[in-house]
Amino acid sequence: MYAEFDDVSLYYEVYGDGEPLILVHGLMVDAGFYENAAQLLKKHYKVITFDRRGNSRSTLKENASCSIEAQLGDIKNLMDLLEIESAYFVGASAGAILSMAFMLKYPDKVKHLIMYEPPILHYVEGTSAIEWIAEMDDFISRKKLNNALLSLSDRIASNDNRGPKKPDEVAMRELRNIKHVLRVDFHIYLDYVPTVE
């Protein structure tokens, strides 16, 4: 389904009934990342997944921003559309950062948050992260997106192939996300530094 907001056509899916549970995906992937989890969890929750703005099926309208603030607005607008006062949240990678930022801005709308591997590199890795980000910037500015993708994959990808094979349609959507991720999402999320207090 699509929700039409001022500057984005936001793709979302709803599974099951019960208390709302919003699953927020990270870089490169989309709502399809949570397909298997949603099928299992829909027995107990009303599971909501969505493609973050600019990714896969969520298309930007003219002059749309992809800032964290704009993405927080997407979540709030989607909750309002679905008449959800508060929800449980699970976020993976960049989705963990977005979920945390949402909780900090709208604490009354988050019942509980599970964050899986938020890439808050400035706190976790110190100078090695700053050097890697500079290398990525160099690749991106020189339009060497394959090098940037390989570097990103080396940094975040797992060689664990025990999971289910993705359907071809999902893999193709994710491939089409690469330019957006490297040129837009990369800095939005990796530059994010929460207030520790």
C-alpha atoms as a PDB file:
ATOM      1  CA  MET A   1       0.000   0.000   0.000  1.00  0.00           C
ATOM      2  CA  TYR A   2       1.042   3.603  -0.458  1.00  0.00           C
ATOM      3  CA  ALA A   3       0.581   6.605   1.801  1.00  0.00           C
ATOM      4  CA  GLU A   4       0.757   9.933  -0.021  1.00  0.00           C
ATOM      5  CA  PHE A   5       2.404  12.626   2.065  1.00  0.00           C
ATOM      6  CA  ASP A   6       3.560  16.113   1.051  1.00  0.00           C
ATOM      7  CA  ASP A   7       6.943  15.126  -0.334  1.00  0.00           C
ATOM      8  CA  VAL A   8       6.942  11.316  -0.492  1.00  0.00           C
ATOM      9  CA  SER A   9       4.863   8.415  -1.687  1.00  0.00           C
ATOM     10  CA  LEU A  10       5.579   6.001   1.166  1.00  0.00           C
ATOM     11  CA  TYR A  11       5.217   2.262   0.568  1.00  0.00           C
ATOM     12  CA  TYR A  12       4.096   0.252   3.604  1.00  0.00           C
ATOM     13  CA  GLU A  13       2.689  -3.145   4.553  1.00  0.00           C
ATOM     14  CA  VAL A  14       0.517  -4.216   7.483  1.00  0.00           C
ATOM     15  CA  TYR A  15       0.308  -7.789   8.769  1.00  0.00           C
ATOM     16  CA  GLY A  16      -2.001  -9.221  11.447  1.00  0.00           C
ATOM     17  CA  ASP A  17      -3.764  -7.662  14.401  1.00  0.00           C
ATOM     18  CA  GLY A  18      -2.854  -6.901  17.967  1.00  0.00           C
ATOM     19  CA  GLU A  19      -0.528  -4.328  19.450  1.00  0.00           C
ATOM     20  CA  PRO A  20       1.394  -2.397  16.785  1.00  0.00           C
ATOM     21  CA  LEU A  21       4.996  -3.336  16.065  1.00  0.00           C
ATOM     22  CA  ILE A  22       6.933  -1.180  13.590  1.00  0.00           C
ATOM     23  CA  LEU A  23       9.982  -2.743  11.912  1.00  0.00           C
ATOM     24  CA  VAL A  24      12.451  -0.217  10.463  1.00  0.00           C
ATOM     25  CA  HIS A  25      15.009  -1.415   7.905  1.00  0.00           C
ATOM     26  CA  GLY A  26      18.595  -0.307   7.424  1.00  0.00           C
ATOM     27  CA  LEU A  27      20.764   0.617   4.453  1.00  0.00           C
ATOM     28  CA  MET A  28      20.419  -1.043   1.054  1.00  0.00           C
ATOM     29  CA  VAL A  29      17.386  -3.172   1.968  1.00  0.00           C
ATOM     30  CA  ASP A  30      13.675  -2.336   2.242  1.00  0.00           C
ATOM     31  CA  ALA A  31      10.517  -3.624   3.938  1.00  0.00           C
ATOM     32  CA  GLY A  32      11.175  -7.000   2.289  1.00  0.00           C
ATOM     33  CA  PHE A  33      14.031  -7.458   4.774  1.00  0.00           C
ATOM     34  CA  TYR A  34      11.384  -8.207   7.409  1.00  0.00           C
ATOM     35  CA  GLU A  35       9.082 -10.414   5.317  1.00  0.00           C
ATOM     36  CA  ASN A  36       9.806 -13.652   7.207  1.00  0.00           C
ATOM     37  CA  ALA A  37       9.782 -11.937  10.597  1.00  0.00           C
ATOM     38  CA  ALA A  38       6.460 -10.231   9.794  1.00  0.00           C
ATOM     39  CA  GLN A  39       4.897 -13.563   8.852  1.00  0.00           C
ATOM     40  CA  LEU A  40       5.912 -15.028  12.217  1.00  0.00           C
ATOM     41  CA  LEU A  41       5.079 -11.984  14.321  1.00  0.00           C
ATOM     42  CA  LYS A  42       1.654 -11.258  12.782  1.00  0.00           C
ATOM     43  CA  LYS A  43       0.167 -13.958  15.027  1.00  0.00           C
ATOM     44  CA  HIS A  44       0.878 -11.715  18.020  1.00  0.00           C
ATOM     45  CA  TYR A  45       1.174  -8.153  16.695  1.00  0.00           C
ATOM     46  CA  LYS A  46      -0.062  -5.751  14.073  1.00  0.00           C
ATOM     47  CA  VAL A  47       3.239  -5.607  12.178  1.00  0.00           C
ATOM     48  CA  ILE A  48       3.991  -2.525  10.089  1.00  0.00           C
ATOM     49  CA  THR A  49       6.909  -2.392   7.662  1.00  0.00           C
ATOM     50  CA  PHE A  50       7.757   0.340   5.175  1.00  0.00           C
ATOM     51  CA  ASP A  51      10.373   1.341   2.632  1.00  0.00           C
ATOM     52  CA  ARG A  52      12.221   4.367   3.988  1.00  0.00           C
ATOM     53  CA  ARG A  53      11.917   7.437   1.735  1.00  0.00           C
ATOM     54  CA  GLY A  54      14.025   7.248  -1.398  1.00  0.00           C
ATOM     55  CA  ASN A  55      14.420   3.478  -1.071  1.00  0.00           C
ATOM     56  CA  SER A  56      12.775   0.898  -3.331  1.00  0.00           C
ATOM     57  CA  ARG A  57       9.046   1.587  -3.637  1.00  0.00           C
ATOM     58  CA  SER A  58       8.966   4.814  -1.581  1.00  0.00           C
ATOM     59  CA  THR A  59       9.490   7.584  -4.090  1.00  0.00           C
ATOM     60  CA  LEU A  60      10.436  11.164  -3.405  1.00  0.00           C
ATOM     61  CA  LYS A  61       8.474  14.076  -4.764  1.00  0.00           C
ATOM     62  CA  GLU A  62      10.126  17.244  -6.038  1.00  0.00           C
ATOM     63  CA  ASN A  63      12.615  18.890  -3.632  1.00  0.00           C
ATOM     64  CA  ALA A  64      12.093  16.229  -0.961  1.00  0.00           C
ATOM     65  CA  SER A  65      14.638  15.887   1.826  1.00  0.00           C
ATOM     66  CA  CYS A  66      15.915  12.553   3.103  1.00  0.00           C
ATOM     67  CA  SER A  67      17.050  13.983   6.437  1.00  0.00           C
ATOM     68  CA  ILE A  68      16.443  12.062   9.620  1.00  0.00           C
ATOM     69  CA  GLU A  69      13.905  14.730  10.560  1.00  0.00           C
ATOM     70  CA  ALA A  70      11.950  14.088   7.336  1.00  0.00           C
ATOM     71  CA  GLN A  71      12.052  10.345   7.973  1.00  0.00           C
ATOM     72  CA  LEU A  72      10.812  10.834  11.524  1.00  0.00           C
ATOM     73  CA  GLY A  73       7.894  12.700   9.989  1.00  0.00           C
ATOM     74  CA  ASP A  74       7.197   9.709   7.744  1.00  0.00           C
ATOM     75  CA  ILE A  75       6.921   7.389  10.738  1.00  0.00           C
ATOM     76  CA  LYS A  76       4.698   9.800  12.660  1.00  0.00           C
ATOM     77  CA  ASN A  77       2.495  10.415   9.603  1.00  0.00           C
ATOM     78  CA  LEU A  78       2.187   6.680   8.994  1.00  0.00           C
ATOM     79  CA  MET A  79       1.232   6.100  12.628  1.00  0.00           C
ATOM     80  CA  ASP A  80      -1.370   8.876  12.382  1.00  0.00           C
ATOM     81  CA  LEU A  81      -2.752   7.412   9.154  1.00  0.00           C
ATOM     82  CA  LEU A  82      -3.073   3.974  10.761  1.00  0.00           C
ATOM     83  CA  GLU A  83      -4.491   5.525  13.960  1.00  0.00           C
ATOM     84  CA  ILE A  84      -1.650   4.201  16.115  1.00  0.00           C
ATOM     85  CA  GLU A  85      -1.021   6.110  19.342  1.00  0.00           C
ATOM     86  CA  SER A  86       2.110   4.181  20.341  1.00  0.00           C
ATOM     87  CA  ALA A  87       3.971   1.108  19.136  1.00  0.00           C
ATOM     88  CA  TYR A  88       6.794  -1.285  19.757  1.00  0.00           C
ATOM     89  CA  PHE A  89       9.785  -0.621  17.489  1.00  0.00           C
ATOM     90  CA  VAL A  90      12.545  -2.807  16.112  1.00  0.00           C
ATOM     91  CA  GLY A  91      15.280  -1.210  14.030  1.00  0.00           C
ATOM     92  CA  ALA A  92      18.283  -2.808  12.371  1.00  0.00           C
ATOM     93  CA  SER A  93      21.409  -0.886  11.376  1.00  0.00           C
ATOM     94  CA  ALA A  94      20.356   2.559  10.074  1.00  0.00           C
ATOM     95  CA  GLY A  95      16.806   1.577  11.065  1.00  0.00           C
ATOM     96  CA  ALA A  96      18.041   1.345  14.662  1.00  0.00           C
ATOM     97  CA  ILE A  97      19.342   4.915  14.460  1.00  0.00           C
ATOM     98  CA  LEU A  98      16.087   6.143  12.943  1.00  0.00           C
ATOM     99  CA  SER A  99      14.035   4.327  15.600  1.00  0.00           C
ATOM    100  CA  MET A 100      16.213   5.760  18.375  1.00  0.00           C
ATOM    101  CA  ALA A 101      15.852   9.274  16.955  1.00  0.00           C
ATOM    102  CA  PHE A 102      12.082   8.740  16.770  1.00  0.00           C
ATOM    103  CA  MET A 103      12.008   7.625  20.415  1.00  0.00           C
ATOM    104  CA  LEU A 104      14.019  10.683  21.461  1.00  0.00           C
ATOM    105  CA  LYS A 105      11.660  13.028  19.606  1.00  0.00           C
ATOM    106  CA  TYR A 106       8.382  11.229  20.422  1.00  0.00           C
ATOM    107  CA  PRO A 107       8.968   9.251  23.640  1.00  0.00           C
ATOM    108  CA  ASP A 108       5.234   8.832  24.253  1.00  0.00           C
ATOM    109  CA  LYS A 109       4.840   7.050  20.885  1.00  0.00           C
ATOM    110  CA  VAL A 110       7.408   4.306  21.618  1.00  0.00           C
ATOM    111  CA  LYS A 111       6.404   1.535  24.031  1.00  0.00           C
ATOM    112  CA  HIS A 112       9.705  -0.293  23.703  1.00  0.00           C
ATOM    113  CA  LEU A 113      12.629  -0.170  21.296  1.00  0.00           C
ATOM    114  CA  ILE A 114      14.944  -2.967  20.230  1.00  0.00           C
ATOM    115  CA  MET A 115      17.992  -1.686  18.341  1.00  0.00           C
ATOM    116  CA  TYR A 116      20.121  -4.134  16.385  1.00  0.00           C
ATOM    117  CA  GLU A 117      23.605  -2.936  15.408  1.00  0.00           C
ATOM    118  CA  PRO A 118      23.076   0.829  15.112  1.00  0.00           C
ATOM    119  CA  PRO A 119      26.098   2.167  13.176  1.00  0.00           C
ATOM    120  CA  ILE A 120      27.029   4.928  15.597  1.00  0.00           C
ATOM    121  CA  LEU A 121      30.623   4.696  14.442  1.00  0.00           C
ATOM    122  CA  HIS A 122      31.913   7.884  16.038  1.00  0.00           C
ATOM    123  CA  TYR A 123      31.358   6.393  19.493  1.00  0.00           C
ATOM    124  CA  VAL A 124      32.141   2.784  18.715  1.00  0.00           C
ATOM    125  CA  GLU A 125      35.216   2.924  16.516  1.00  0.00           C
ATOM    126  CA  GLY A 126      36.787   6.361  16.931  1.00  0.00           C
ATOM    127  CA  THR A 127      39.369   7.426  14.367  1.00  0.00           C
ATOM    128  CA  SER A 128      39.194   4.249  12.263  1.00  0.00           C
ATOM    129  CA  ALA A 129      35.583   5.137  11.442  1.00  0.00           C
ATOM    130  CA  ILE A 130      36.536   8.680  10.454  1.00  0.00           C
ATOM    131  CA  GLU A 131      39.271   7.345   8.142  1.00  0.00           C
ATOM    132  CA  TRP A 132      36.861   4.847   6.571  1.00  0.00           C
ATOM    133  CA  ILE A 133      34.211   7.535   6.020  1.00  0.00           C
ATOM    134  CA  ALA A 134      36.855   9.712   4.312  1.00  0.00           C
ATOM    135  CA  GLU A 135      37.773   6.782   2.047  1.00  0.00           C
ATOM    136  CA  MET A 136      34.088   6.258   1.214  1.00  0.00           C
ATOM    137  CA  ASP A 137      33.691   9.973   0.452  1.00  0.00           C
ATOM    138  CA  ASP A 138      36.628   9.763  -1.924  1.00  0.00           C
ATOM    139  CA  PHE A 139      35.103   6.783  -3.762  1.00  0.00           C
ATOM    140  CA  ILE A 140      31.701   8.471  -3.979  1.00  0.00           C
ATOM    141  CA  SER A 141      33.065  11.845  -5.155  1.00  0.00           C
ATOM    142  CA  ARG A 142      35.049  10.099  -7.899  1.00  0.00           C
ATOM    143  CA  LYS A 143      31.914   8.097  -8.846  1.00  0.00           C
ATOM    144  CA  LYS A 144      33.632   4.836  -7.978  1.00  0.00           C
ATOM    145  CA  LEU A 145      30.431   3.377  -6.574  1.00  0.00           C
ATOM    146  CA  ASN A 146      31.564  -0.238  -7.013  1.00  0.00           C
ATOM    147  CA  ASN A 147      34.597   0.447  -4.801  1.00  0.00           C
ATOM    148  CA  ALA A 148      32.360   2.207  -2.264  1.00  0.00           C
ATOM    149  CA  LEU A 149      29.895  -0.683  -2.289  1.00  0.00           C
ATOM    150  CA  LEU A 150      32.687  -3.236  -1.765  1.00  0.00           C
ATOM    151  CA  SER A 151      34.099  -1.180   1.105  1.00  0.00           C
ATOM    152  CA  LEU A 152      30.636  -0.854   2.686  1.00  0.00           C
ATOM    153  CA  SER A 153      30.014  -4.574   2.243  1.00  0.00           C
ATOM    154  CA  ASP A 154      33.354  -5.440   3.850  1.00  0.00           C
ATOM    155  CA  ARG A 155      32.425  -3.250   6.787  1.00  0.00           C
ATOM    156  CA  ILE A 156      28.838  -4.335   7.403  1.00  0.00           C
ATOM    157  CA  ALA A 157      28.090  -7.560   5.531  1.00  0.00           C
ATOM    158  CA  SER A 158      28.067 -10.975   7.086  1.00  0.00           C
ATOM    159  CA  ASN A 159      29.362 -14.059   5.339  1.00  0.00           C
ATOM    160  CA  ASP A 160      26.695 -16.098   7.096  1.00  0.00           C
ATOM    161  CA  ASN A 161      24.664 -17.675   4.298  1.00  0.00           C
ATOM    162  CA  ARG A 162      22.356 -19.742   6.507  1.00  0.00           C
ATOM    163  CA  GLY A 163      19.428 -17.374   5.981  1.00  0.00           C
ATOM    164  CA  PRO A 164      16.806 -17.889   3.303  1.00  0.00           C
ATOM    165  CA  LYS A 165      17.634 -16.852  -0.259  1.00  0.00           C
ATOM    166  CA  LYS A 166      16.023 -13.574  -1.226  1.00  0.00           C
ATOM    167  CA  PRO A 167      13.479 -13.619  -4.011  1.00  0.00           C
ATOM    168  CA  ASP A 168      14.894 -12.112  -7.221  1.00  0.00           C
ATOM    169  CA  GLU A 169      12.417  -9.204  -7.043  1.00  0.00           C
ATOM    170  CA  VAL A 170      13.720  -8.213  -3.596  1.00  0.00           C
ATOM    171  CA  ALA A 171      17.366  -8.526  -4.664  1.00  0.00           C
ATOM    172  CA  MET A 172      16.716  -6.303  -7.700  1.00  0.00           C
ATOM    173  CA  ARG A 173      15.005  -3.630  -5.567  1.00  0.00           C
ATOM    174  CA  GLU A 174      18.003  -3.621  -3.242  1.00  0.00           C
ATOM    175  CA  LEU A 175      20.419  -3.275  -6.157  1.00  0.00           C
ATOM    176  CA  ARG A 176      18.493  -0.229  -7.369  1.00  0.00           C
ATOM    177  CA  ASN A 177      18.933   1.322  -3.902  1.00  0.00           C
ATOM    178  CA  ILE A 178      22.744   1.435  -4.149  1.00  0.00           C
ATOM    179  CA  LYS A 179      23.085   4.934  -5.649  1.00  0.00           C
ATOM    180  CA  HIS A 180      20.617   6.412  -3.159  1.00  0.00           C
ATOM    181  CA  VAL A 181      22.339   4.698  -0.242  1.00  0.00           C
ATOM    182  CA  LEU A 182      25.834   5.807  -1.218  1.00  0.00           C
ATOM    183  CA  ARG A 183      24.962   9.345  -2.301  1.00  0.00           C
ATOM    184  CA  VAL A 184      22.271  10.196   0.271  1.00  0.00           C
ATOM    185  CA  ASP A 185      21.682   7.741   3.140  1.00  0.00           C
ATOM    186  CA  PHE A 186      25.355   7.028   3.827  1.00  0.00           C
ATOM    187  CA  HIS A 187      26.085  10.385   5.455  1.00  0.00           C
ATOM    188  CA  ILE A 188      22.660  10.881   6.961  1.00  0.00           C
ATOM    189  CA  TYR A 189      23.173   7.821   9.140  1.00  0.00           C
ATOM    190  CA  LEU A 190      26.923   7.575   9.577  1.00  0.00           C
ATOM    191  CA  ASP A 191      27.204  11.248  10.553  1.00  0.00           C
ATOM    192  CA  TYR A 192      24.439  10.895  13.143  1.00  0.00           C
ATOM    193  CA  VAL A 193      25.751  11.396  16.663  1.00  0.00           C
ATOM    194  CA  PRO A 194      23.116  11.153  19.399  1.00  0.00           C
ATOM    195  CA  THR A 195      23.374  13.230  22.535  1.00  0.00           C
ATOM    196  CA  VAL A 196      24.823  10.782  25.038  1.00  0.00           C
ATOM    197  CA  GLU A 197      23.039  12.379  27.988  1.00  0.00           C
END
